[in-house]
Protein backbone atom coordinates (compact mmCIF):
# COMPACT_ATOMS: atom_id res chain seq x y z
CA GLU A 1 29.32 93.89 158.97
CA GLY A 2 29.18 95.45 155.55
CA ILE A 3 28.18 98.85 156.99
CA ILE A 4 30.58 101.77 157.44
CA LYS A 5 29.91 105.16 159.03
CA VAL A 6 31.66 108.03 157.27
CA HIS A 7 32.05 111.60 158.54
CA VAL A 8 33.10 114.19 155.94
CA HIS A 9 33.71 117.94 155.97
CA THR A 10 33.19 119.43 152.51
CA ASN A 11 32.01 122.53 150.65
CA ASP A 12 30.33 120.29 148.03
CA PRO A 13 28.14 117.61 149.69
CA GLY A 14 26.56 116.65 146.37
CA LEU A 15 29.93 115.57 145.00
CA VAL A 16 30.58 113.47 148.12
CA LEU A 17 27.23 111.70 147.76
CA GLN A 18 27.90 110.95 144.09
CA ASP A 19 31.28 109.43 144.90
CA ALA A 20 29.84 107.47 147.83
CA LEU A 21 27.21 105.87 145.60
CA LYS A 22 29.99 104.31 143.53
CA HIS A 23 30.89 102.16 146.53
CA GLY A 24 27.46 101.02 147.70
CA GLN A 25 24.04 102.04 149.00
CA LEU A 26 23.56 105.00 151.33
CA VAL A 27 21.54 104.02 154.40
CA THR A 28 21.33 107.23 156.44
CA ILE A 29 22.35 110.68 155.24
CA LYS A 30 22.70 113.78 157.42
CA ILE A 31 23.99 117.11 156.09
CA GLU A 32 24.60 120.13 158.32
CA ASN A 33 25.92 123.58 157.45
CA MET A 34 28.61 124.00 160.12
CA LYS A 35 29.49 127.52 159.02
CA LEU A 36 25.95 128.76 159.60
CA GLN A 37 25.63 126.91 162.88
CA HIS A 38 28.84 128.10 164.46
CA GLU A 39 29.84 131.29 162.69
CA ASN A 40 31.01 133.82 165.29
CA ILE A 41 29.65 137.37 165.22
CA LEU A 42 32.66 139.66 165.59
CA VAL A 43 30.93 143.05 165.81
CA GLY A 44 29.19 144.46 168.89
CA ASP A 45 29.16 143.75 172.59
CA THR A 46 29.67 140.05 173.43
CA ASP A 47 27.03 139.97 176.19
CA GLU A 48 24.37 141.58 173.99
CA ILE A 49 25.13 139.18 171.17
CA ALA A 50 24.90 136.16 173.50
CA GLN A 51 21.49 137.30 174.72
CA SER A 52 20.16 138.04 171.25
CA VAL A 53 21.09 134.66 169.81
CA GLU A 54 18.77 131.78 170.69
CA GLU A 55 20.31 129.37 173.19
CA LYS A 56 21.63 126.27 171.46
CA GLU A 57 22.06 122.78 172.84
CA TYR A 58 25.85 122.48 172.62
CA GLY A 59 28.81 124.85 172.67
CA PHE A 60 32.53 124.12 172.34
CA ILE A 61 35.72 125.69 173.68
CA ALA A 62 39.22 124.56 172.68
CA THR A 63 42.73 125.67 173.47
CA SER A 64 44.96 125.90 170.43
CA MET A 65 48.32 127.23 169.27
CA GLY A 66 48.84 128.32 165.67
CA GLU A 67 46.44 129.78 163.12
CA GLY A 68 46.21 126.56 161.11
CA LEU A 69 45.14 124.47 164.11
CA ALA A 70 42.69 127.16 165.17
CA LYS A 71 41.08 127.10 161.72
CA ILE A 72 40.68 123.33 161.86
CA PHE A 73 39.00 123.60 165.27
CA LYS A 74 36.68 126.26 163.83
CA ASP A 75 35.85 123.93 160.93
CA PHE A 76 34.88 121.31 163.52
CA GLY A 77 32.39 123.77 164.96
CA VAL A 78 34.31 125.07 167.96
CA ASP A 79 32.77 128.37 169.11
CA TYR A 80 35.67 129.86 171.05
CA ILE A 81 39.41 129.34 170.59
CA ILE A 82 41.69 130.18 173.51
CA GLU A 83 45.25 130.86 172.44
CA GLY A 84 47.63 128.71 174.44
CA GLY A 85 50.52 126.31 174.32
CA GLN A 86 53.45 124.99 176.29
CA THR A 87 54.78 128.49 177.03
CA MET A 88 51.54 130.39 177.66
CA ASN A 89 48.92 128.47 179.59
CA PRO A 90 45.42 129.98 179.75
CA SER A 91 44.04 130.79 183.20
CA THR A 92 40.73 129.93 184.85
CA GLU A 93 39.69 133.51 184.05
CA ASP A 94 40.34 132.87 180.33
CA PHE A 95 38.02 129.87 180.43
CA MET A 96 35.34 131.82 182.33
CA LYS A 97 35.44 134.54 179.67
CA ALA A 98 34.99 131.90 176.96
CA ILE A 99 32.12 130.24 178.84
CA ASP A 100 30.30 133.54 179.33
CA SER A 101 30.54 134.34 175.61
CA ILE A 102 28.69 131.17 174.52
CA ASN A 103 24.91 130.92 174.76
CA ALA A 104 24.47 127.16 175.05
CA LYS A 105 22.86 124.72 177.49
CA ASN A 106 25.90 122.44 177.54
CA ILE A 107 29.48 123.51 176.88
CA PHE A 108 32.31 121.08 176.17
CA ILE A 109 35.88 122.20 176.90
CA PHE A 110 38.93 120.65 175.22
CA PRO A 111 42.08 121.86 177.05
CA ASN A 112 44.45 120.01 174.66
CA ASN A 113 47.27 120.31 177.18
CA SER A 114 47.75 118.42 180.44
CA ASN A 115 48.92 121.65 182.13
CA ILE A 116 45.60 123.36 181.42
CA ILE A 117 43.11 120.68 182.52
CA MET A 118 43.09 121.94 186.12
CA ALA A 119 42.23 125.52 185.06
CA ALA A 120 39.40 124.20 182.88
CA ASN A 121 38.00 122.16 185.78
CA GLN A 122 38.20 125.17 188.09
CA ALA A 123 36.16 127.17 185.58
CA LYS A 124 33.65 124.32 185.50
CA GLU A 125 33.24 124.56 189.29
CA LEU A 126 32.82 128.34 189.19
CA SER A 127 30.32 128.47 186.32
CA ASP A 128 26.55 128.13 186.70
CA LYS A 129 26.35 126.53 183.24
CA ASN A 130 26.61 122.81 182.51
CA ILE A 131 30.29 122.42 181.66
CA ILE A 132 31.86 119.16 180.51
CA VAL A 133 35.66 119.06 180.50
CA ILE A 134 37.11 116.41 178.20
CA PRO A 135 40.69 116.02 179.52
CA THR A 136 42.46 116.14 176.16
CA LYS A 137 46.22 116.34 176.68
CA ASN A 138 47.15 117.38 173.14
CA THR A 139 45.71 118.63 169.86
CA PRO A 140 45.31 115.19 168.18
CA GLN A 141 43.17 114.04 171.11
CA GLY A 142 41.07 117.19 170.74
CA PHE A 143 40.41 116.54 167.06
CA THR A 144 39.61 112.86 167.66
CA ALA A 145 37.13 113.75 170.40
CA LEU A 146 35.36 116.29 168.17
CA VAL A 147 35.06 113.76 165.34
CA ASN A 148 33.25 111.42 167.73
CA PHE A 149 30.76 114.04 168.92
CA ASN A 150 27.14 113.25 167.98
CA ALA A 151 24.70 116.17 168.08
CA ASP A 152 21.77 113.73 168.31
CA ALA A 153 23.11 111.97 171.41
CA SER A 154 22.59 113.04 175.03
CA VAL A 155 25.19 114.92 177.05
CA GLU A 156 26.00 111.78 179.03
CA GLU A 157 26.32 109.64 175.89
CA ASN A 158 28.60 112.19 174.27
CA GLU A 159 30.77 112.55 177.35
CA GLN A 160 31.25 108.77 177.51
CA ALA A 161 31.95 108.49 173.76
CA LEU A 162 34.42 111.37 173.78
CA MET A 163 36.26 110.01 176.81
CA GLU A 164 36.53 106.60 175.15
CA SER A 165 37.80 108.19 171.93
CA LEU A 166 40.91 109.50 173.72
CA THR A 167 42.26 105.95 173.86
CA MET A 168 41.91 105.58 170.07
CA VAL A 169 44.67 108.01 169.15
CA LYS A 170 48.41 108.02 169.78
CA SER A 171 50.21 111.32 169.54
CA GLY A 172 53.73 112.63 169.06
CA GLN A 173 55.57 115.94 168.76
CA VAL A 174 58.78 116.91 167.00
CA THR A 175 60.57 119.91 168.49
CA PHE A 176 64.08 120.97 169.55
CA ALA A 177 66.06 120.60 172.77
CA VAL A 178 66.83 123.70 174.82
CA ARG A 179 69.57 122.01 176.91
CA ASP A 180 71.76 118.93 177.17
CA THR A 181 70.07 116.04 178.94
CA VAL A 182 69.64 112.27 179.13
CA MET A 183 66.08 111.04 179.32
CA ASN A 184 64.52 107.65 178.69
CA ASP A 185 68.05 106.39 177.82
CA VAL A 186 68.25 108.94 174.98
CA GLU A 187 71.21 111.37 175.04
CA VAL A 188 70.26 114.84 173.90
CA LYS A 189 72.44 117.84 173.02
CA GLU A 190 71.16 121.42 173.06
CA GLY A 191 69.70 122.25 169.65
CA ASN A 192 69.01 118.61 168.75
CA ILE A 193 65.75 117.74 167.02
CA ILE A 194 63.78 115.54 169.43
CA GLY A 195 60.78 113.27 169.07
CA ILE A 196 58.31 112.91 171.94
CA ALA A 197 55.55 110.30 172.02
CA GLU A 198 52.96 109.90 174.76
CA SER A 199 54.98 112.34 176.91
CA LYS A 200 58.19 110.28 176.59
CA LEU A 201 61.37 111.32 174.82
CA MET A 202 61.90 108.76 172.04
CA ASP A 203 64.54 110.12 169.64
CA ALA A 204 67.15 112.82 169.19
CA GLY A 205 69.15 113.83 166.12
CA ASP A 206 69.93 116.53 163.57
CA SER A 207 67.21 115.99 160.93
CA VAL A 208 63.57 116.96 161.34
CA ASP A 209 62.45 114.47 158.67
CA GLU A 210 64.47 111.59 160.12
CA ILE A 211 63.24 112.15 163.66
CA THR A 212 59.64 112.55 162.45
CA THR A 213 59.82 109.34 160.42
CA SER A 214 61.38 107.45 163.31
CA LEU A 215 58.69 108.71 165.67
CA VAL A 216 55.90 107.66 163.30
CA GLU A 217 57.45 104.18 163.10
CA LYS A 218 57.31 103.89 166.87
CA LEU A 219 53.68 105.02 167.02
CA VAL A 220 52.35 102.78 164.24
CA ASP A 221 51.20 99.26 165.05
CA GLU A 222 49.09 96.58 163.35
CA ASP A 223 45.85 98.36 164.30
CA SER A 224 46.85 101.74 162.84
CA ALA A 225 44.89 103.08 159.87
CA ILE A 226 45.54 106.84 159.61
CA ILE A 227 48.64 108.97 160.15
CA THR A 228 48.00 112.72 160.37
CA LEU A 229 50.75 115.35 160.36
CA PHE A 230 50.23 118.99 161.35
CA TYR A 231 53.26 121.02 160.28
CA GLY A 232 54.37 124.10 162.18
CA GLU A 233 55.36 127.64 161.27
CA ASP A 234 59.04 126.68 160.84
CA VAL A 235 58.31 124.02 158.19
CA THR A 236 57.70 124.95 154.55
CA GLU A 237 54.78 123.49 152.64
CA GLU A 238 57.22 121.94 150.16
CA ASP A 239 59.20 120.16 152.88
CA ALA A 240 55.99 118.92 154.50
CA ASN A 241 54.69 117.54 151.19
CA ASN A 242 58.02 115.80 150.54
CA LEU A 243 57.89 114.14 153.95
CA ARG A 244 54.33 113.01 153.33
CA ASP A 245 55.38 111.44 150.04
CA GLU A 246 58.18 109.56 151.80
CA LEU A 247 55.81 108.32 154.49
CA GLU A 248 53.28 107.18 151.86
CA GLU A 249 55.99 105.00 150.29
CA LYS A 250 57.03 103.63 153.67
CA PHE A 251 53.50 102.98 154.96
CA GLU A 252 51.67 101.87 151.83
CA ASP A 253 48.69 100.39 153.69
CA LEU A 254 47.97 103.51 155.76
CA ASP A 255 46.31 106.82 154.89
CA ILE A 256 48.65 109.81 155.32
CA GLU A 257 46.98 113.19 155.93
CA LEU A 258 48.83 116.52 156.06
CA TYR A 259 47.56 119.85 157.39
CA TYR A 260 49.07 123.24 158.08
CA GLY A 261 49.01 123.78 161.83
CA GLY A 262 51.15 126.89 162.04
CA GLN A 263 52.11 126.03 165.62
CA PRO A 264 55.27 127.57 167.10
CA LEU A 265 58.03 125.47 168.69
CA TYR A 266 56.84 122.16 167.19
CA TYR A 267 57.92 121.20 163.68
CA TYR A 268 55.26 118.48 163.56
CA LEU A 269 52.37 117.29 165.65
CA ILE A 270 51.59 113.66 164.84
CA SER A 271 48.37 111.70 165.25
CA VAL A 272 48.14 107.94 164.65
CA GLU A 273 44.72 106.27 164.76
């Protein structure tokens, strides 16, 4: 009680420390330069580079769709991004290529799609390296797991912590219907905007903002603290900011975060923690 652990990504750690001191004493401080640790070398032969770089303790692979989401994963320290999504699922060979390009004792894989978990596990069986597959079913789960990673903990401790973290986040997606259907007692017409939460169809309508707001309402409960929106390539920054402002008025007690995801097909990916 009275102690809070805070994890921050910033280009100005000194400013963060100054602000933190306004709220209390700092017990333990750890600062790492993620860019230096995980910056990828893009020139030269991949195998030669892997051999020339000293083997590190941990490596990370994530599947992602959209340049914005890929950048966020990179900021979290992910070494290798595999392009994927609902319409183009990476193969076991794609995962093997990623594994071979990383010179690390232990490699964590975040599939971020339930359809890809099997391919990731097959790569784990084929590889001679120590591979840990965290069965993330979507991007919000992938981000939550990475936030809970602790470089000072053992592989086993991290695997347990990351697996437990998957239950801490609820996720939703806002996209469009490609055909008429009735699912989960919701009638859908082709072209409708639809809201999906925890793999269940929850809403259908004509407005992206209305469906997104309705979906957030269904995901939020008394334990929720943070709502994060990742807006896709078909949403303008202005529209996304306006929606965030509306959600901040509606959910005054919760933190609303907004990021550019750039993902195709999905207007918004939603994370509620």
